[in-house]
Amino acid sequence: MNRKTSLRLLTASALLMAVNVLLSSFGLPVPGGHLYLNDVVIDTAALLLPPFWAFMVGGVGAFLGDLIFYPVPMFVSLVTHGLQAVVISLCCRAGARRPLRSAIVGVTLGAVIMVVGYSLGRAFIYATPAAAWLKLPYQCLQAAVGAVASVLICFRLGLKVRFEQWQNRA
């Protein structure tokens, strides 16, 4: 990897991390809770970036967003979203011959990791499984929205191809 590619990865990661922090600050009100859209950014970053940078955007970005706006679950966010992003990124790299299929597998696994991680985290932080059960439908909705939107953005709207072209430009 040359110096220009490294600088571009750093720049893209910083921008995506900033958007993740921003989207961690508010949720769309839905009956009985809120829907946070930062999973769209986390999944999109993981589809585009190598695992280390995906972890930085997903885990560290969510951690910083929680630290600033709602610090109680910040370590749950670091681990859960970090692992989610790394798994998605690794799936994309492992299935490079069939990128759409590997992306779908990756975001599906990432959604499961996010839902399970936050459910366990909520049960631990609030010391009651009832809190986790109460938020489970919202976690599932958030994970599904993030998975579907990121695949559409990267493949249907062509962000992945454009990002790779930008990365490989001299």
C-alpha atoms as a PDB file:
ATOM      1  CA  MET A   1       0.000   0.000   0.000  1.00  0.00           C
ATOM      2  CA  ASN A   2       1.486   3.309  -1.009  1.00  0.00           C
ATOM      3  CA  ARG A   3       1.408   6.537   0.943  1.00  0.00           C
ATOM      4  CA  LYS A   4      -1.384   8.098  -1.127  1.00  0.00           C
ATOM      5  CA  THR A   5      -3.615   5.039  -0.618  1.00  0.00           C
ATOM      6  CA  SER A   6      -2.982   5.169   3.134  1.00  0.00           C
ATOM      7  CA  LEU A   7      -3.887   8.846   3.236  1.00  0.00           C
ATOM      8  CA  ARG A   8      -7.087   8.168   1.287  1.00  0.00           C
ATOM      9  CA  LEU A   9      -8.047   5.353   3.672  1.00  0.00           C
ATOM     10  CA  LEU A  10      -7.419   7.631   6.644  1.00  0.00           C
ATOM     11  CA  THR A  11      -9.461  10.437   5.068  1.00  0.00           C
ATOM     12  CA  ALA A  12     -12.398   8.193   4.153  1.00  0.00           C
ATOM     13  CA  SER A  13     -12.331   6.572   7.591  1.00  0.00           C
ATOM     14  CA  ALA A  14     -12.281   9.926   9.382  1.00  0.00           C
ATOM     15  CA  LEU A  15     -15.207  11.190   7.330  1.00  0.00           C
ATOM     16  CA  LEU A  16     -17.249   8.029   7.915  1.00  0.00           C
ATOM     17  CA  MET A  17     -16.378   8.073  11.629  1.00  0.00           C
ATOM     18  CA  ALA A  18     -17.612  11.672  11.889  1.00  0.00           C
ATOM     19  CA  VAL A  19     -20.898  10.708  10.208  1.00  0.00           C
ATOM     20  CA  ASN A  20     -21.196   7.740  12.598  1.00  0.00           C
ATOM     21  CA  VAL A  21     -20.741  10.036  15.606  1.00  0.00           C
ATOM     22  CA  LEU A  22     -23.304  12.456  14.170  1.00  0.00           C
ATOM     23  CA  LEU A  23     -25.891   9.732  13.539  1.00  0.00           C
ATOM     24  CA  SER A  24     -25.295   8.332  17.037  1.00  0.00           C
ATOM     25  CA  SER A  25     -26.525  11.614  18.463  1.00  0.00           C
ATOM     26  CA  PHE A  26     -30.181  11.246  17.547  1.00  0.00           C
ATOM     27  CA  GLY A  27     -32.702   8.610  16.634  1.00  0.00           C
ATOM     28  CA  LEU A  28     -35.849   8.659  14.582  1.00  0.00           C
ATOM     29  CA  PRO A  29     -38.828   8.304  16.891  1.00  0.00           C
ATOM     30  CA  VAL A  30     -40.787   5.092  16.345  1.00  0.00           C
ATOM     31  CA  PRO A  31     -43.626   3.796  18.532  1.00  0.00           C
ATOM     32  CA  GLY A  32     -42.056   2.761  21.833  1.00  0.00           C
ATOM     33  CA  GLY A  33     -38.470   3.827  21.101  1.00  0.00           C
ATOM     34  CA  HIS A  34     -35.988   5.250  18.635  1.00  0.00           C
ATOM     35  CA  LEU A  35     -34.362   4.027  15.436  1.00  0.00           C
ATOM     36  CA  TYR A  36     -30.705   4.992  15.069  1.00  0.00           C
ATOM     37  CA  LEU A  37     -29.272   5.181  11.555  1.00  0.00           C
ATOM     38  CA  ASN A  38     -25.599   4.832  12.423  1.00  0.00           C
ATOM     39  CA  ASP A  39     -25.724   1.155  11.377  1.00  0.00           C
ATOM     40  CA  VAL A  40     -26.071   2.341   7.786  1.00  0.00           C
ATOM     41  CA  VAL A  41     -22.711   4.106   8.084  1.00  0.00           C
ATOM     42  CA  ILE A  42     -21.073   1.251   9.994  1.00  0.00           C
ATOM     43  CA  ASP A  43     -22.155  -1.363   7.456  1.00  0.00           C
ATOM     44  CA  THR A  44     -21.266   0.864   4.491  1.00  0.00           C
ATOM     45  CA  ALA A  45     -17.813   1.555   5.918  1.00  0.00           C
ATOM     46  CA  ALA A  46     -17.278  -2.155   6.531  1.00  0.00           C
ATOM     47  CA  LEU A  47     -18.234  -2.957   2.932  1.00  0.00           C
ATOM     48  CA  LEU A  48     -15.702  -0.410   1.662  1.00  0.00           C
ATOM     49  CA  LEU A  49     -12.773  -0.516   4.083  1.00  0.00           C
ATOM     50  CA  PRO A  50     -10.216  -3.056   5.311  1.00  0.00           C
ATOM     51  CA  PRO A  51     -10.948  -4.588   8.752  1.00  0.00           C
ATOM     52  CA  PHE A  52      -8.792  -2.218  10.836  1.00  0.00           C
ATOM     53  CA  TRP A  53     -10.361   0.895   9.337  1.00  0.00           C
ATOM     54  CA  ALA A  54     -13.823  -0.673   9.504  1.00  0.00           C
ATOM     55  CA  PHE A  55     -13.268  -1.245  13.242  1.00  0.00           C
ATOM     56  CA  MET A  56     -12.189   2.364  13.687  1.00  0.00           C
ATOM     57  CA  VAL A  57     -15.324   3.674  11.962  1.00  0.00           C
ATOM     58  CA  GLY A  58     -17.718   1.164  13.525  1.00  0.00           C
ATOM     59  CA  GLY A  59     -16.366   0.551  17.012  1.00  0.00           C
ATOM     60  CA  VAL A  60     -14.476   3.709  17.837  1.00  0.00           C
ATOM     61  CA  GLY A  61     -16.982   5.939  16.025  1.00  0.00           C
ATOM     62  CA  ALA A  62     -19.925   4.448  17.957  1.00  0.00           C
ATOM     63  CA  PHE A  63     -17.896   4.649  21.186  1.00  0.00           C
ATOM     64  CA  LEU A  64     -17.198   8.354  20.635  1.00  0.00           C
ATOM     65  CA  GLY A  65     -20.830   9.031  19.734  1.00  0.00           C
ATOM     66  CA  ASP A  66     -21.986   7.371  22.940  1.00  0.00           C
ATOM     67  CA  LEU A  67     -19.265   9.057  24.987  1.00  0.00           C
ATOM     68  CA  ILE A  68     -20.471  12.465  23.817  1.00  0.00           C
ATOM     69  CA  PHE A  69     -24.232  11.913  23.856  1.00  0.00           C
ATOM     70  CA  TYR A  70     -25.077   8.920  26.070  1.00  0.00           C
ATOM     71  CA  PRO A  71     -22.079   7.310  27.814  1.00  0.00           C
ATOM     72  CA  VAL A  72     -23.760   4.362  29.557  1.00  0.00           C
ATOM     73  CA  PRO A  73     -23.451   1.856  26.653  1.00  0.00           C
ATOM     74  CA  MET A  74     -20.219   3.197  25.134  1.00  0.00           C
ATOM     75  CA  PHE A  75     -18.157   0.051  25.779  1.00  0.00           C
ATOM     76  CA  VAL A  76     -20.970  -2.150  24.500  1.00  0.00           C
ATOM     77  CA  SER A  77     -20.963  -0.032  21.337  1.00  0.00           C
ATOM     78  CA  LEU A  78     -17.193  -0.268  20.985  1.00  0.00           C
ATOM     79  CA  VAL A  79     -17.170  -4.060  21.150  1.00  0.00           C
ATOM     80  CA  THR A  80     -20.438  -4.764  19.336  1.00  0.00           C
ATOM     81  CA  HIS A  81     -20.125  -2.316  16.451  1.00  0.00           C
ATOM     82  CA  GLY A  82     -16.388  -2.945  16.199  1.00  0.00           C
ATOM     83  CA  LEU A  83     -16.882  -6.696  15.870  1.00  0.00           C
ATOM     84  CA  GLN A  84     -19.804  -6.150  13.499  1.00  0.00           C
ATOM     85  CA  ALA A  85     -17.660  -3.989  11.192  1.00  0.00           C
ATOM     86  CA  VAL A  86     -14.675  -6.351  11.244  1.00  0.00           C
ATOM     87  CA  VAL A  87     -16.806  -9.400  10.402  1.00  0.00           C
ATOM     88  CA  ILE A  88     -18.502  -7.604   7.498  1.00  0.00           C
ATOM     89  CA  SER A  89     -15.157  -6.390   6.165  1.00  0.00           C
ATOM     90  CA  LEU A  90     -13.579  -9.845   6.434  1.00  0.00           C
ATOM     91  CA  CYS A  91     -16.539 -11.444   4.649  1.00  0.00           C
ATOM     92  CA  CYS A  92     -16.162  -8.968   1.792  1.00  0.00           C
ATOM     93  CA  ARG A  93     -12.465  -9.682   1.467  1.00  0.00           C
ATOM     94  CA  ALA A  94     -12.944 -13.457   1.667  1.00  0.00           C
ATOM     95  CA  GLY A  95     -15.610 -13.442  -1.051  1.00  0.00           C
ATOM     96  CA  ALA A  96     -14.004 -11.020  -3.485  1.00  0.00           C
ATOM     97  CA  ARG A  97     -15.019 -13.154  -6.481  1.00  0.00           C
ATOM     98  CA  ARG A  98     -18.704 -12.738  -5.635  1.00  0.00           C
ATOM     99  CA  PRO A  99     -18.839  -9.322  -3.976  1.00  0.00           C
ATOM    100  CA  LEU A 100     -22.614  -8.916  -3.714  1.00  0.00           C
ATOM    101  CA  ARG A 101     -23.096 -12.359  -2.186  1.00  0.00           C
ATOM    102  CA  SER A 102     -20.255 -11.875   0.277  1.00  0.00           C
ATOM    103  CA  ALA A 103     -21.632  -8.444   1.189  1.00  0.00           C
ATOM    104  CA  ILE A 104     -25.072  -9.906   1.907  1.00  0.00           C
ATOM    105  CA  VAL A 105     -23.549 -12.673   4.029  1.00  0.00           C
ATOM    106  CA  GLY A 106     -21.392 -10.104   5.820  1.00  0.00           C
ATOM    107  CA  VAL A 107     -24.174  -7.659   6.662  1.00  0.00           C
ATOM    108  CA  THR A 108     -26.408 -10.537   7.758  1.00  0.00           C
ATOM    109  CA  LEU A 109     -23.739 -11.797  10.163  1.00  0.00           C
ATOM    110  CA  GLY A 110     -23.110  -8.212  11.237  1.00  0.00           C
ATOM    111  CA  ALA A 111     -26.804  -7.720  11.980  1.00  0.00           C
ATOM    112  CA  VAL A 112     -26.846 -10.835  14.162  1.00  0.00           C
ATOM    113  CA  ILE A 113     -23.727  -9.653  15.996  1.00  0.00           C
ATOM    114  CA  MET A 114     -25.282  -6.229  16.588  1.00  0.00           C
ATOM    115  CA  VAL A 115     -28.592  -7.576  17.880  1.00  0.00           C
ATOM    116  CA  VAL A 116     -26.997 -10.197  20.151  1.00  0.00           C
ATOM    117  CA  GLY A 117     -24.283  -7.807  21.354  1.00  0.00           C
ATOM    118  CA  TYR A 118     -26.686  -5.046  22.284  1.00  0.00           C
ATOM    119  CA  SER A 119     -29.183  -7.452  23.839  1.00  0.00           C
ATOM    120  CA  LEU A 120     -26.485  -8.946  26.076  1.00  0.00           C
ATOM    121  CA  GLY A 121     -25.070  -5.485  26.734  1.00  0.00           C
ATOM    122  CA  ARG A 122     -28.444  -4.099  27.772  1.00  0.00           C
ATOM    123  CA  ALA A 123     -29.099  -7.073  30.040  1.00  0.00           C
ATOM    124  CA  PHE A 124     -25.696  -6.522  31.686  1.00  0.00           C
ATOM    125  CA  ILE A 125     -25.776  -2.708  31.907  1.00  0.00           C
ATOM    126  CA  TYR A 126     -29.322  -2.464  33.192  1.00  0.00           C
ATOM    127  CA  ALA A 127     -29.036  -5.720  35.186  1.00  0.00           C
ATOM    128  CA  THR A 128     -32.263  -7.089  33.781  1.00  0.00           C
ATOM    129  CA  PRO A 129     -33.097  -9.189  30.716  1.00  0.00           C
ATOM    130  CA  ALA A 130     -36.444  -7.364  30.548  1.00  0.00           C
ATOM    131  CA  ALA A 131     -34.678  -4.221  29.309  1.00  0.00           C
ATOM    132  CA  ALA A 132     -33.053  -6.246  26.545  1.00  0.00           C
ATOM    133  CA  TRP A 133     -36.340  -7.884  25.529  1.00  0.00           C
ATOM    134  CA  LEU A 134     -38.072  -4.511  25.450  1.00  0.00           C
ATOM    135  CA  LYS A 135     -35.571  -3.074  22.955  1.00  0.00           C
ATOM    136  CA  LEU A 136     -35.122  -6.231  20.857  1.00  0.00           C
ATOM    137  CA  PRO A 137     -37.588  -5.251  18.085  1.00  0.00           C
ATOM    138  CA  TYR A 138     -35.832  -1.883  17.663  1.00  0.00           C
ATOM    139  CA  GLN A 139     -32.419  -3.538  17.534  1.00  0.00           C
ATOM    140  CA  CYS A 140     -33.674  -5.922  14.839  1.00  0.00           C
ATOM    141  CA  LEU A 141     -35.176  -3.043  12.848  1.00  0.00           C
ATOM    142  CA  GLN A 142     -31.998  -0.972  13.174  1.00  0.00           C
ATOM    143  CA  ALA A 143     -29.836  -3.909  12.053  1.00  0.00           C
ATOM    144  CA  ALA A 144     -32.103  -4.678   9.081  1.00  0.00           C
ATOM    145  CA  VAL A 145     -32.250  -1.053   7.940  1.00  0.00           C
ATOM    146  CA  GLY A 146     -28.471  -0.754   8.186  1.00  0.00           C
ATOM    147  CA  ALA A 147     -27.851  -4.001   6.306  1.00  0.00           C
ATOM    148  CA  VAL A 148     -30.287  -3.336   3.461  1.00  0.00           C
ATOM    149  CA  ALA A 149     -29.413   0.350   3.047  1.00  0.00           C
ATOM    150  CA  SER A 150     -25.654  -0.258   3.010  1.00  0.00           C
ATOM    151  CA  VAL A 151     -25.889  -2.984   0.362  1.00  0.00           C
ATOM    152  CA  LEU A 152     -28.120  -0.756  -1.770  1.00  0.00           C
ATOM    153  CA  ILE A 153     -25.792   2.230  -1.367  1.00  0.00           C
ATOM    154  CA  CYS A 154     -22.662   0.246  -2.169  1.00  0.00           C
ATOM    155  CA  PHE A 155     -23.957  -1.936  -4.989  1.00  0.00           C
ATOM    156  CA  ARG A 156     -27.130  -0.442  -6.450  1.00  0.00           C
ATOM    157  CA  LEU A 157     -25.947   3.161  -6.274  1.00  0.00           C
ATOM    158  CA  GLY A 158     -22.379   2.186  -7.172  1.00  0.00           C
ATOM    159  CA  LEU A 159     -20.504   3.595  -4.176  1.00  0.00           C
ATOM    160  CA  LYS A 160     -18.251   0.528  -3.909  1.00  0.00           C
ATOM    161  CA  VAL A 161     -17.063   0.835  -7.534  1.00  0.00           C
ATOM    162  CA  ARG A 162     -16.534   4.593  -7.192  1.00  0.00           C
ATOM    163  CA  PHE A 163     -14.685   4.157  -3.901  1.00  0.00           C
ATOM    164  CA  GLU A 164     -12.361   1.537  -5.413  1.00  0.00           C
ATOM    165  CA  GLN A 165     -11.700   3.789  -8.425  1.00  0.00           C
ATOM    166  CA  TRP A 166     -10.885   6.671  -6.095  1.00  0.00           C
ATOM    167  CA  GLN A 167      -8.596   4.429  -4.027  1.00  0.00           C
ATOM    168  CA  ASN A 168      -6.699   3.190  -7.090  1.00  0.00           C
ATOM    169  CA  ARG A 169      -6.299   6.570  -8.791  1.00  0.00           C
ATOM    170  CA  ALA A 170      -2.705   7.688  -9.192  1.00  0.00           C
END
